[in-house]
Protein backbone atom coordinates (compact mmCIF):
# COMPACT_ATOMS: atom_id res chain seq x y z
CA MET A 1 -24.34 -3.77 5.86
CA SER A 2 -23.72 -0.05 5.91
CA ARG A 3 -20.19 1.30 5.64
CA ARG A 4 -20.43 5.07 5.72
CA PHE A 5 -16.88 6.33 5.80
CA LYS A 6 -16.85 10.04 6.47
CA ILE A 7 -15.30 12.32 9.03
CA GLY A 8 -17.39 15.14 10.39
CA LEU A 9 -17.97 17.69 7.66
CA GLY A 10 -15.08 16.43 5.60
CA ILE A 11 -12.28 13.93 5.34
CA LEU A 12 -9.10 14.25 3.35
CA ALA A 13 -6.94 11.24 2.75
CA ALA A 14 -3.42 12.43 2.28
CA THR A 15 -0.69 9.96 1.72
CA VAL A 16 2.87 10.90 2.47
CA VAL A 17 5.32 8.83 0.51
CA ALA A 18 9.02 8.67 1.26
CA VAL A 19 10.22 8.40 -2.31
CA PRO A 20 12.46 11.32 -3.21
CA LEU A 21 13.29 9.73 -6.57
CA ILE A 22 9.73 10.22 -7.84
CA THR A 23 9.50 12.92 -10.45
CA ALA A 24 6.41 14.90 -11.27
CA VAL A 25 5.79 12.85 -14.42
CA THR A 26 7.32 9.40 -14.65
CA THR A 27 6.82 6.60 -17.12
CA GLN A 28 8.55 3.27 -17.06
CA ALA A 29 9.42 1.31 -20.17
CA ALA A 30 9.08 -2.05 -18.43
CA SER A 31 5.63 -1.24 -17.05
CA ALA A 32 2.26 -1.86 -18.67
CA VAL A 33 0.95 1.37 -17.16
CA ALA A 34 1.97 5.01 -17.28
CA GLY A 35 1.08 8.02 -15.20
CA ARG A 36 2.13 11.04 -13.20
CA ASN A 37 4.18 10.23 -10.09
CA LEU A 38 4.67 6.58 -11.06
CA PRO A 39 7.35 5.03 -8.79
CA PRO A 40 10.48 4.12 -10.76
CA ASN A 41 11.96 0.68 -11.35
CA GLY A 42 8.69 -1.18 -10.98
CA LYS A 43 8.50 -0.42 -7.26
CA VAL A 44 5.31 -0.30 -5.17
CA LEU A 45 4.70 2.52 -2.66
CA PHE A 46 3.51 1.43 0.77
CA LEU A 47 1.35 4.03 2.50
CA ALA A 48 0.43 4.16 6.22
CA GLY A 49 -2.48 6.06 7.71
CA GLN A 50 -4.60 7.72 8.60
CA THR A 51 -4.78 10.44 11.28
CA THR A 52 -1.94 12.57 12.61
CA PRO A 53 -1.98 10.80 16.03
CA ASP A 54 -2.03 7.41 14.27
CA LEU A 55 1.03 8.35 12.26
CA THR A 56 2.88 9.86 15.20
CA ALA A 57 2.33 6.61 17.10
CA TYR A 58 3.49 4.58 14.08
CA LYS A 59 6.67 6.62 13.90
CA GLN A 60 7.41 6.39 17.63
CA GLN A 61 6.30 2.82 18.36
CA VAL A 62 7.26 1.10 15.10
CA LEU A 63 9.89 3.07 13.17
CA ASP A 64 11.81 4.69 16.04
CA ALA A 65 11.68 1.47 18.06
CA ASP A 66 13.23 -0.60 15.25
CA ALA A 67 15.70 1.08 12.92
CA SER A 68 15.51 -1.90 10.54
CA PHE A 69 11.74 -1.55 10.02
CA PRO A 70 11.22 -0.12 6.50
CA ARG A 71 9.84 3.39 6.49
CA PRO A 72 6.45 3.59 4.80
CA GLY A 73 6.28 4.83 1.28
CA GLY A 74 3.64 7.24 2.51
CA VAL A 75 1.04 8.30 5.06
CA THR A 76 -2.71 8.93 4.79
CA LEU A 77 -4.61 11.98 6.09
CA TYR A 78 -7.96 13.67 5.32
CA THR A 79 -9.31 17.18 4.47
CA ASN A 80 -12.24 19.04 2.86
CA ILE A 81 -13.09 22.36 1.20
CA SER A 82 -16.21 23.18 3.21
CA PRO A 83 -16.47 26.89 4.10
CA ASN A 84 -17.76 25.86 7.54
CA ALA A 85 -15.13 23.31 8.64
CA CYS A 86 -11.44 23.22 9.48
CA ASN A 87 -9.16 21.57 6.93
CA GLY A 88 -6.10 20.51 8.96
CA LEU A 89 -3.51 21.82 6.51
CA THR A 90 -1.56 24.25 8.69
CA ALA A 91 -3.28 23.86 12.07
CA THR A 92 -4.70 20.96 14.05
CA CYS A 93 -8.24 20.05 13.03
CA ASN A 94 -10.53 17.70 14.98
CA LEU A 95 -13.43 16.28 13.01
CA ASN A 96 -15.56 13.98 15.18
CA GLY A 97 -12.47 12.60 16.91
CA ASN A 98 -10.33 12.39 13.76
CA VAL A 99 -7.35 14.70 14.22
CA PHE A 100 -5.32 16.06 11.30
CA ASN A 101 -2.35 18.38 10.99
CA PHE A 102 -0.65 18.16 7.60
CA ASP A 103 2.31 20.33 8.54
CA GLN A 104 3.06 18.20 11.59
CA THR A 105 2.81 14.90 9.75
CA LEU A 106 4.94 16.08 6.84
CA ALA A 107 7.59 17.22 9.32
CA GLU A 108 7.55 13.79 10.99
CA TYR A 109 7.92 12.06 7.60
CA PRO A 110 10.54 14.14 5.77
CA GLY A 111 11.42 13.56 2.14
CA ALA A 112 8.01 12.12 1.50
CA ALA A 113 5.54 12.43 -1.33
CA LEU A 114 1.95 13.24 -0.43
CA ALA A 115 -1.22 11.54 -1.62
CA VAL A 116 -4.40 13.43 -0.70
CA GLY A 117 -7.97 12.16 -0.69
CA LEU A 118 -10.47 15.00 -0.86
CA TYR A 119 -13.91 14.61 0.77
CA LEU A 120 -16.62 16.30 -1.32
CA ALA A 121 -19.88 14.98 0.19
CA ASP A 122 -22.32 16.94 2.34
CA ASN A 123 -24.17 14.33 4.40
CA PRO A 124 -26.83 14.49 5.70
CA GLY A 125 -29.05 15.70 2.92
CA CYS A 126 -27.19 14.41 -0.13
CA GLN A 127 -27.53 17.78 -1.84
CA ASN A 128 -24.12 17.53 -3.56
CA GLN A 129 -23.47 21.16 -2.72
CA PRO A 130 -19.64 20.89 -2.91
CA LEU A 131 -19.81 19.21 -6.33
CA ARG A 132 -22.28 21.74 -7.70
CA ALA A 133 -20.21 24.63 -6.36
CA ILE A 134 -17.01 23.31 -7.94
CA ILE A 135 -18.76 22.98 -11.29
CA GLY A 136 -19.92 26.59 -10.98
CA ARG A 137 -23.67 25.98 -11.13
CA GLN A 138 -25.81 28.98 -10.20
CA ASP A 139 -28.34 27.12 -8.06
CA ALA A 140 -30.00 29.27 -5.40
CA ASP A 141 -28.24 27.61 -2.46
CA ILE A 142 -24.74 28.16 -3.86
CA ALA A 143 -25.12 31.31 -5.91
CA GLY A 144 -22.89 34.18 -4.92
CA ALA A 145 -20.43 34.11 -2.05
CA LEU A 146 -20.92 30.51 -0.89
CA GLY A 147 -20.17 28.94 -4.25
CA ALA A 148 -17.21 31.26 -4.71
CA GLN A 149 -15.84 30.24 -1.29
CA TYR A 150 -15.93 26.54 -2.21
CA ARG A 151 -13.99 27.27 -5.39
CA GLN A 152 -11.49 29.48 -3.56
CA ASN A 153 -10.93 26.76 -0.95
CA LEU A 154 -10.23 24.28 -3.74
CA ASP A 155 -7.63 26.61 -5.22
CA ASN A 156 -6.10 27.17 -1.78
CA LEU A 157 -5.75 23.41 -1.31
CA ILE A 158 -4.12 22.91 -4.70
CA VAL A 159 -1.67 25.76 -4.03
CA TYR A 160 -0.79 24.23 -0.64
CA LEU A 161 -0.13 20.86 -2.29
CA ARG A 162 1.87 22.47 -5.07
CA ASN A 163 4.02 24.33 -2.58
CA THR A 164 4.93 21.20 -0.62
CA GLY A 165 7.32 20.42 -3.47
CA ARG A 166 6.40 16.76 -3.10
CA ALA A 167 4.78 14.25 -5.41
CA VAL A 168 1.08 14.43 -4.54
CA TYR A 169 -1.72 11.91 -5.15
CA LEU A 170 -5.11 13.67 -4.87
CA ARG A 171 -8.04 11.28 -4.28
CA VAL A 172 -10.86 13.44 -5.62
CA GLY A 173 -14.13 12.58 -3.86
CA TYR A 174 -12.71 9.20 -2.83
CA GLU A 175 -15.06 6.20 -2.81
CA PHE A 176 -17.14 8.04 -5.38
CA ASP A 177 -19.56 5.11 -5.75
CA GLY A 178 -20.12 4.45 -2.04
CA PRO A 179 -23.83 4.99 -1.32
CA TRP A 180 -22.86 6.61 1.99
CA ASN A 181 -21.35 9.54 0.05
CA CYS A 182 -24.53 10.19 -1.98
CA TYR A 183 -22.62 11.53 -4.98
CA ASN A 184 -24.57 12.26 -8.14
CA TYR A 185 -22.56 10.60 -10.91
CA ASP A 186 -22.97 13.43 -13.42
CA PHE A 187 -22.03 16.09 -10.87
CA TYR A 188 -19.10 13.96 -9.71
CA LYS A 189 -17.62 13.48 -13.16
CA ALA A 190 -17.98 17.16 -14.00
CA ALA A 191 -16.42 18.24 -10.69
CA PHE A 192 -13.51 15.84 -11.16
CA ARG A 193 -12.76 17.44 -14.51
CA VAL A 194 -12.81 20.93 -12.96
CA VAL A 195 -10.38 19.82 -10.23
CA LYS A 196 -7.97 18.63 -12.91
CA GLN A 197 -8.38 21.90 -14.80
CA ARG A 198 -7.54 23.90 -11.66
CA ILE A 199 -4.47 21.72 -11.01
CA ASP A 200 -3.22 22.53 -14.50
CA ALA A 201 -4.16 26.21 -14.33
CA LEU A 202 -2.31 26.66 -11.03
CA GLY A 203 0.81 24.91 -12.31
CA ALA A 204 0.62 22.04 -9.81
CA THR A 205 2.52 19.61 -12.01
CA ASN A 206 3.44 17.57 -8.93
CA VAL A 207 -0.23 16.68 -8.25
CA ALA A 208 -1.69 13.48 -9.74
CA THR A 209 -5.44 12.88 -9.75
CA VAL A 210 -6.77 9.63 -8.24
CA TRP A 211 -10.18 8.13 -9.08
CA GLN A 212 -11.12 5.77 -6.23
CA SER A 213 -13.94 3.23 -6.16
CA ALA A 214 -15.32 1.92 -2.87
CA SER A 215 -15.28 -1.60 -4.42
CA TYR A 216 -17.98 -2.49 -1.90
CA ALA A 217 -19.40 -6.01 -1.79
CA LYS A 218 -23.08 -5.03 -1.59
CA ASP A 219 -25.00 -3.18 -4.28
CA GLY A 220 -26.74 0.08 -3.53
CA ASP A 221 -29.57 1.70 -5.47
CA ALA A 222 -29.16 1.01 -9.20
CA GLN A 223 -31.10 4.19 -10.01
CA TYR A 224 -28.15 6.20 -8.71
CA LYS A 225 -25.56 3.81 -10.16
CA PHE A 226 -24.44 2.41 -6.80
CA ASP A 227 -24.79 -1.13 -8.19
CA PHE A 228 -21.23 -2.45 -8.15
CA SER A 229 -22.21 -5.70 -9.87
CA ASN A 230 -23.39 -3.83 -12.98
CA ALA A 231 -21.03 -4.58 -15.87
CA ASN A 232 -21.06 -0.89 -16.87
CA HIS A 233 -20.62 0.41 -13.33
CA PHE A 234 -17.12 1.84 -13.66
CA ALA A 235 -17.65 3.24 -17.14
CA ASP A 236 -20.73 5.11 -15.85
CA TRP A 237 -18.63 6.92 -13.22
CA TYR A 238 -15.41 7.48 -15.19
CA PRO A 239 -14.48 11.16 -15.79
CA GLY A 240 -12.13 10.36 -18.69
CA ASP A 241 -8.58 9.28 -19.47
CA ASP A 242 -7.52 12.87 -20.02
CA VAL A 243 -8.17 13.85 -16.38
CA VAL A 244 -7.53 10.62 -14.42
CA ASP A 245 -3.91 9.79 -13.54
CA TRP A 246 -4.47 6.87 -11.14
CA VAL A 247 -7.28 4.38 -10.49
CA ALA A 248 -7.84 3.31 -6.86
CA LEU A 249 -9.88 0.95 -4.71
CA SER A 250 -10.66 0.09 -1.09
CA THR A 251 -9.90 -3.46 0.16
CA PHE A 252 -11.30 -4.14 3.63
CA TYR A 253 -12.38 -7.75 3.07
CA TRP A 254 -10.60 -10.81 1.71
CA ASP A 255 -12.32 -13.99 0.63
CA ALA A 256 -10.73 -16.40 3.12
CA ASN A 257 -12.64 -15.32 6.25
CA TYR A 258 -14.89 -12.39 5.41
CA ARG A 259 -18.13 -14.42 5.51
CA GLN A 260 -17.15 -16.02 8.81
CA TYR A 261 -16.61 -12.75 10.66
CA GLN A 262 -16.89 -9.40 8.88
CA TRP A 263 -19.96 -10.24 6.76
CA ALA A 264 -21.47 -12.94 8.97
CA CYS A 265 -24.45 -10.64 9.70
CA ASP A 266 -25.23 -9.61 6.13
CA ASN A 267 -25.27 -10.97 2.58
CA PRO A 268 -22.90 -9.48 0.00
CA THR A 269 -23.93 -9.07 -3.62
CA SER A 270 -20.47 -9.85 -4.96
CA SER A 271 -17.26 -11.45 -3.80
CA PRO A 272 -14.93 -8.64 -2.68
CA LYS A 273 -12.04 -10.04 -4.69
CA VAL A 274 -14.15 -10.19 -7.84
CA LEU A 275 -14.74 -6.45 -7.44
CA TYR A 276 -11.08 -5.76 -6.72
CA ASP A 277 -10.12 -7.64 -9.88
CA ARG A 278 -12.63 -5.63 -11.89
CA VAL A 279 -11.10 -2.36 -10.71
CA LEU A 280 -7.59 -3.50 -11.61
CA ASN A 281 -8.70 -4.78 -14.99
CA PHE A 282 -10.38 -1.43 -15.64
CA ALA A 283 -7.08 0.28 -14.80
CA ARG A 284 -5.18 -2.06 -17.13
CA GLY A 285 -7.66 -1.38 -19.90
CA HIS A 286 -7.03 2.35 -19.56
CA ASN A 287 -3.26 2.03 -19.07
CA LYS A 288 -3.50 3.62 -15.60
CA PRO A 289 -1.54 2.68 -12.47
CA ALA A 290 -3.66 1.54 -9.52
CA LEU A 291 -3.57 2.31 -5.81
CA ILE A 292 -5.08 0.44 -2.87
CA ALA A 293 -6.09 3.69 -1.21
CA GLU A 294 -7.76 2.26 1.90
CA SER A 295 -7.28 -1.12 3.55
CA THR A 296 -7.64 -2.42 7.09
CA PRO A 297 -8.95 -5.65 8.69
CA GLN A 298 -12.25 -4.04 9.68
CA GLY A 299 -13.94 -5.81 12.58
CA TYR A 300 -10.76 -7.35 14.03
CA ARG A 301 -8.68 -6.26 17.02
CA THR A 302 -4.98 -7.01 16.83
CA ALA A 303 -4.32 -6.77 20.57
CA GLN A 304 -7.30 -8.76 21.87
CA LEU A 305 -7.42 -11.20 18.92
CA ASP A 306 -11.16 -11.10 18.39
CA ALA A 307 -13.44 -10.41 15.45
CA SER A 308 -16.93 -9.10 14.76
CA CYS A 309 -19.44 -8.35 12.08
CA THR A 310 -18.79 -4.88 10.74
CA ASN A 311 -22.40 -3.72 11.02
CA VAL A 312 -22.98 -5.13 14.54
CA ASN A 313 -20.53 -5.29 17.43
CA ASN A 314 -20.85 -9.00 18.24
CA ARG A 315 -17.19 -9.71 19.00
CA VAL A 316 -16.06 -13.32 19.33
CA SER A 317 -12.64 -14.50 20.47
CA LEU A 318 -10.22 -16.04 17.97
CA GLY A 319 -9.11 -18.39 20.74
CA GLY A 320 -5.66 -16.86 20.89
CA ASP A 321 -4.99 -18.01 17.30
CA TRP A 322 -3.39 -14.99 15.65
CA THR A 323 -3.18 -16.85 12.31
CA LYS A 324 -6.93 -16.35 11.82
CA LEU A 325 -6.14 -12.66 11.58
CA GLY A 326 -2.82 -13.30 9.86
CA SER A 327 -4.65 -14.76 6.87
CA TRP A 328 -6.10 -11.30 6.16
CA TYR A 329 -2.59 -9.83 5.91
CA ASN A 330 -1.36 -12.77 3.85
CA GLU A 331 -4.11 -12.22 1.27
CA TYR A 332 -3.50 -8.47 1.23
CA PHE A 333 0.19 -8.86 0.44
CA ASN A 334 -0.49 -11.77 -1.92
CA TYR A 335 -2.75 -9.48 -3.90
CA VAL A 336 -0.20 -6.68 -4.11
CA ASN A 337 2.57 -9.05 -5.20
CA SER A 338 0.36 -10.82 -7.75
CA ASN A 339 -0.80 -7.58 -9.38
CA ALA A 340 2.34 -5.46 -9.25
CA ASP A 341 2.13 -4.85 -13.00
CA VAL A 342 -0.66 -2.36 -12.29
CA LEU A 343 -0.85 -2.01 -8.48
CA ARG A 344 1.93 0.50 -7.91
CA ALA A 345 0.87 1.80 -4.48
CA ALA A 346 -0.90 0.22 -1.51
CA ALA A 347 -2.12 1.86 1.70
CA TYR A 348 -2.81 0.38 5.13
CA ILE A 349 -4.79 2.12 7.89
CA ASN A 350 -2.90 1.53 11.14
CA SER A 351 -5.48 2.79 13.61
CA ASN A 352 -7.13 2.05 16.93
CA TRP A 353 -10.58 2.83 15.58
CA GLU A 354 -12.22 2.38 18.99
CA ALA A 355 -10.37 5.43 20.30
CA ILE A 356 -11.97 7.69 17.66
CA ALA A 357 -15.44 9.02 18.46
CA GLN A 358 -16.79 8.55 14.95
CA PHE A 359 -15.91 4.86 14.86
CA ALA A 360 -16.90 3.93 18.42
CA CYS A 361 -19.47 1.13 18.62
CA PRO A 362 -20.32 -0.45 22.00
CA PRO A 363 -21.00 -4.21 22.35
CA GLY A 364 -24.37 -5.20 20.90
CA ALA A 365 -24.85 -1.95 18.98
CA SER A 366 -25.68 -1.89 15.27
CA SER A 367 -24.54 0.53 12.59
CA GLY A 368 -26.64 3.68 12.55
CA GLN A 369 -27.72 3.39 16.17
CA PRO A 370 -26.70 6.02 18.75
CA GLY A 371 -23.06 5.49 19.64
CA CYS A 372 -22.42 3.36 16.54
CA SER A 373 -22.91 5.72 13.62
CA ASP A 374 -20.41 4.05 11.27
CA GLY A 375 -20.48 0.39 12.28
CA TYR A 376 -17.80 -1.60 14.04
CA TRP A 377 -14.13 -1.20 13.09
CA GLY A 378 -11.94 -2.55 15.93
CA ASN A 379 -8.18 -1.97 16.19
CA SER A 380 -5.79 -2.53 13.29
CA ARG A 381 -2.52 -1.29 14.85
CA ILE A 382 0.27 -3.70 13.92
CA GLN A 383 2.37 -2.63 16.93
CA ASP A 384 -0.27 -4.16 19.22
CA ASN A 385 0.54 -7.72 18.12
CA ALA A 386 4.13 -8.96 17.88
CA ASN A 387 3.35 -11.65 15.29
CA ILE A 388 1.45 -9.28 13.02
CA LYS A 389 4.18 -6.66 13.34
CA ALA A 390 6.92 -9.19 12.48
CA GLY A 391 5.06 -10.43 9.41
CA PHE A 392 4.31 -6.89 8.28
CA LYS A 393 7.97 -5.94 8.61
CA ARG A 394 9.15 -8.87 6.51
CA GLU A 395 6.60 -8.11 3.79
CA LEU A 396 7.78 -4.49 3.54
CA GLN A 397 11.40 -5.64 3.40
CA ASN A 398 10.58 -7.22 0.04
CA SER A 399 12.48 -5.28 -2.61
CA LEU A 400 9.23 -4.94 -4.55
CA PHE A 401 8.38 -2.08 -2.18
CA VAL A 402 9.99 1.33 -2.05
CA ASN A 403 12.52 1.10 0.83
CA GLY A 404 12.52 -2.72 0.69
CA THR A 405 15.95 -4.35 0.33
CA LEU A 406 15.45 -8.13 0.59
CA SER A 407 14.64 -10.59 -2.17
CA GLY A 408 11.08 -11.89 -2.26
CA ARG A 409 8.52 -12.41 0.45
CA GLY A 410 9.66 -14.02 3.68
CA ALA A 411 6.76 -13.41 6.05
CA ASN A 412 5.28 -16.38 7.88
CA TRP A 413 1.62 -15.65 8.56
CA GLY A 414 0.96 -19.15 9.88
CA GLY A 415 2.88 -19.17 13.17
CA GLY A 416 3.00 -22.51 14.97
CA THR A 417 6.02 -24.63 15.75
CA ASN A 418 8.85 -25.39 13.37
CA PRO A 419 7.92 -28.18 10.94
CA THR A 420 9.39 -31.63 11.22
CA THR A 421 12.21 -32.69 8.94
CA GLN A 422 11.11 -34.42 5.74
CA PRO A 423 11.34 -38.22 6.08
CA PRO A 424 14.04 -40.13 4.20
CA THR A 425 13.19 -41.56 0.81
CA SER A 426 14.50 -44.54 -1.09
CA ASN A 427 14.90 -42.34 -4.13
CA PRO A 428 18.41 -40.79 -4.22
CA PRO A 429 18.74 -37.05 -4.90
CA THR A 430 18.20 -36.25 -8.56
CA SER A 431 20.56 -33.87 -10.34
CA SER A 432 19.24 -31.01 -12.41
CA GLY A 433 18.50 -31.61 -16.04
CA PRO A 434 15.62 -31.75 -18.52
CA THR A 435 12.95 -34.33 -17.83
CA GLY A 436 9.46 -35.12 -19.08
CA ASN A 437 8.28 -33.75 -22.45
CA PRO A 438 9.53 -30.19 -22.84
CA GLY A 439 8.05 -29.77 -26.30
CA ASN A 440 4.29 -29.67 -25.89
CA ARG A 441 2.45 -29.68 -22.56
CA ASN A 442 -1.29 -29.05 -22.47
CA ALA A 443 -1.70 -26.33 -19.85
CA PHE A 444 -5.20 -27.60 -19.06
CA SER A 445 -4.16 -31.21 -18.41
CA THR A 446 -2.28 -32.48 -15.36
CA ILE A 447 1.43 -31.59 -15.42
CA GLU A 448 3.42 -33.80 -13.07
CA ALA A 449 5.75 -31.75 -10.86
CA GLU A 450 8.62 -34.20 -11.33
CA SER A 451 8.56 -33.53 -15.10
CA TRP A 452 10.31 -30.19 -14.66
CA ASN A 453 12.77 -28.89 -17.25
CA SER A 454 15.01 -27.09 -14.78
CA GLN A 455 15.02 -26.53 -11.04
CA SER A 456 16.91 -25.12 -8.10
CA GLY A 457 17.23 -26.75 -4.69
CA THR A 458 14.59 -29.48 -5.02
CA GLN A 459 14.70 -33.28 -5.25
CA LYS A 460 12.37 -35.93 -6.58
CA VAL A 461 10.56 -38.06 -4.04
CA THR A 462 9.29 -41.55 -4.89
CA THR A 463 6.10 -42.46 -3.03
CA SER A 464 3.02 -44.53 -3.80
CA THR A 465 0.77 -41.69 -2.60
CA ALA A 466 1.86 -39.36 -5.41
CA SER A 467 0.21 -39.24 -8.81
CA GLY A 468 2.54 -41.14 -11.12
CA GLY A 469 4.54 -42.44 -8.17
CA GLN A 470 6.78 -39.36 -7.83
CA GLU A 471 6.58 -35.75 -6.69
CA VAL A 472 8.95 -32.85 -6.02
CA GLY A 473 10.13 -32.46 -2.43
CA TYR A 474 12.94 -31.28 -0.16
CA THR A 475 11.83 -27.74 -0.98
CA ASN A 476 12.99 -24.71 0.97
CA ASN A 477 12.36 -20.99 0.78
CA GLY A 478 13.34 -19.70 -2.68
CA ASP A 479 13.57 -23.10 -4.39
CA TRP A 480 11.89 -23.36 -7.79
CA ILE A 481 10.88 -25.73 -10.62
CA ARG A 482 10.37 -24.63 -14.23
CA PHE A 483 8.24 -26.20 -16.93
CA ASP A 484 8.81 -25.36 -20.61
CA GLY A 485 6.62 -25.99 -23.63
CA VAL A 486 3.39 -25.17 -21.79
CA ASN A 487 0.70 -24.69 -24.44
CA PHE A 488 -2.36 -22.60 -23.57
CA GLY A 489 -3.81 -22.99 -27.06
CA GLY A 490 -4.96 -19.38 -27.20
CA ARG A 491 -7.14 -19.80 -24.10
CA THR A 492 -6.90 -17.58 -21.01
CA PRO A 493 -7.04 -19.60 -17.77
CA ASN A 494 -9.05 -18.45 -14.78
CA GLN A 495 -7.33 -20.57 -12.13
CA VAL A 496 -4.34 -22.76 -11.41
CA VAL A 497 -5.03 -26.01 -9.52
CA PHE A 498 -2.33 -27.96 -7.70
CA ARG A 499 -1.90 -30.89 -5.28
CA TYR A 500 0.58 -30.69 -2.43
CA SER A 501 1.49 -31.97 1.02
CA SER A 502 3.46 -30.50 3.92
CA ALA A 503 4.42 -31.69 7.40
CA ARG A 504 4.02 -28.14 8.68
CA PRO A 505 1.14 -27.56 11.12
CA THR A 506 -2.27 -26.94 9.60
CA SER A 507 -2.17 -23.43 11.06
CA GLN A 508 1.16 -22.50 9.45
CA ALA A 509 1.11 -20.57 6.18
CA PHE A 510 3.52 -20.33 3.27
CA THR A 511 3.24 -19.44 -0.41
CA LEU A 512 3.61 -21.18 -3.77
CA GLU A 513 4.15 -18.51 -6.43
CA PHE A 514 3.47 -19.23 -10.10
CA HIS A 515 5.51 -17.08 -12.48
CA ALA A 516 5.20 -16.64 -16.24
CA GLY A 517 8.59 -17.52 -17.69
CA SER A 518 11.47 -17.69 -15.21
CA ALA A 519 11.52 -17.42 -11.42
CA THR A 520 11.87 -13.64 -11.81
CA GLY A 521 9.06 -13.35 -14.35
CA PRO A 522 5.63 -11.82 -13.67
CA VAL A 523 3.71 -13.42 -10.79
CA ILE A 524 0.42 -14.79 -12.15
CA ALA A 525 -0.76 -16.42 -8.90
CA ALA A 526 0.58 -16.46 -5.34
CA PRO A 527 -1.73 -18.57 -3.18
CA GLY A 528 -1.09 -18.50 0.52
CA ILE A 529 -1.52 -22.09 1.70
CA LEU A 530 -1.35 -24.03 4.96
CA GLY A 531 0.50 -27.09 6.13
CA THR A 532 -1.29 -30.45 5.96
CA GLY A 533 0.37 -31.91 9.08
CA ASP A 534 2.06 -34.83 7.33
CA TRP A 535 4.03 -35.49 4.14
CA ARG A 536 1.47 -38.09 3.02
CA THR A 537 -1.61 -35.94 3.67
CA TYR A 538 -2.56 -33.99 0.54
CA ARG A 539 -4.69 -31.03 -0.39
CA GLU A 540 -5.83 -29.70 -3.76
CA ILE A 541 -6.01 -25.91 -4.11
CA ALA A 542 -7.54 -23.75 -6.86
CA PHE A 543 -6.39 -20.12 -7.04
CA ASN A 544 -7.25 -17.29 -9.41
CA VAL A 545 -4.78 -16.44 -12.19
CA SER A 546 -4.20 -12.90 -13.45
CA ASN A 547 -1.76 -11.03 -15.68
CA LEU A 548 -0.69 -14.03 -17.78
CA PRO A 549 1.32 -12.49 -20.64
CA ALA A 550 0.26 -13.48 -24.14
CA GLY A 551 2.56 -16.09 -25.65
CA THR A 552 3.66 -17.59 -22.32
CA THR A 553 5.21 -21.04 -22.83
CA SER A 554 7.12 -21.52 -19.56
CA ILE A 555 5.76 -21.64 -16.00
CA THR A 556 7.94 -21.53 -12.88
CA ALA A 557 6.72 -22.44 -9.40
CA VAL A 558 8.63 -20.76 -6.54
CA ILE A 559 8.35 -21.80 -2.89
CA ARG A 560 8.23 -18.99 -0.31
CA ALA A 561 8.41 -19.41 3.47
CA GLY A 562 9.65 -17.42 6.43
CA ASP A 563 12.24 -19.95 7.63
CA SER A 564 14.86 -22.41 6.34
CA ALA A 565 13.04 -25.68 7.10
CA ASP A 566 11.51 -28.01 4.49
CA VAL A 567 8.31 -26.50 3.15
CA MET A 568 6.19 -28.72 0.89
CA ASP A 569 5.97 -31.53 -1.66
CA VAL A 570 4.37 -30.62 -5.01
CA ASP A 571 2.58 -33.46 -6.80
CA TRP A 572 1.05 -31.86 -9.91
CA PHE A 573 -0.62 -28.73 -11.28
CA LYS A 574 -2.84 -27.64 -14.16
CA PHE A 575 -4.83 -24.63 -15.33
CA GLN A 576 -8.57 -24.31 -15.74
């Protein structure tokens, strides 16, 4: 599968972020990361993109049409420093159907910060001319005026960004390890350092540097260090802590359905989520905040509800079931919420890709063929599907996000009819109070849900189908159960496993969040799960755990749903 993401002679990803409280250099005592332009109060920036027409349509059809829809934390655009191409900063620039006008977009999104991704490739040819020119090499093809023009254009860009007066996030040669960009890793690292030096020399203290991996699921040529599965991959490309402010990644595929549709025509080398986790763990290890710089459900169309391989346009209908697409969004927002200790900004590309010449791909065409140069992308505009738009709105209303004002997640990505009421039980409601053994629970052995130490809103249910004869039920959105004395014995778990039932339809989604400590503690797992159709029909789910603080002894499970009806029964859980 080839995913060559470039725009004409250059593509700049600029993200406009409506966060006037951001200062040029911000650190947060409660955060595990530190960096320039870090959002305050543990908030996450949401960024929308990625062309000027895309963003104008988002403003008119989403924001202006619904005053209660949270404004995005930012917007994404693209530019370059090629002497032979327009850059879109102060005048409209059309690069192979991608239209950019920074001044126009900034005017449409006032009071916004600006994150910029700078395209530095020179396909075709893979000569790395922009990188070599930035470094100042005296090679024959860039000696003299041409090399000087590249460097002058870089300075002009930095001055423009400085003069916006906004917090800026500059994605330097974004997707540096994507084989489609053909970057030489030594040239790239050296050029990145020069860009940082010019930012400092020109006094652009409002500009943060962003180092963005493609986090692509298929290895390229190991000789050129495009092998994502290599344990040393990120270290080989890293320019250094002294010049990198943010670490970033692209997330186009999520594990639930990517092999069924997006990658059905090719074989990945790695699970996408494994790569995403590696990027975030690299950021944590270097105390850097992380940004999802590019994300879109590639291969899907929100209006038509169909899906395709991304390297061949072989669209198939989703049978009118929007939840098959909704699961992509559920996993995207799950991931942001579960990794908010380090993921402090997340972008979404809200674009009708088919309307852009570069990303056109007629039925039956394959990536690289005439008329399908960059594979199949589809249409990811949320305003083209009422269910997707409603779920997206509720996710952004979460107070975790800049401009969010509501508590927790409330989106329902499952759709379907309202669930039936939970059947009566012979067991009377149980009042709150300690139960079970609060002193020493083995985290890796089964912990019965009814052995909670404290709870809010739940009841015990007696039934022969539950392990131990009881489970926790009558749960609604926001209810929780806490377990104290959980002993991990110095081990770090990889997954949490749990057994549950729900009378909600098997197409209807909700979330069971696992928190370290109290219900407001760090989220260590937030699996999006589906109804089982009946209270006595059970499923066991295993979900990856991350960010478990050392010394954790209490675990709280919080139920999240987008309505007020009964959600689920929880039988037991354990770690592994």
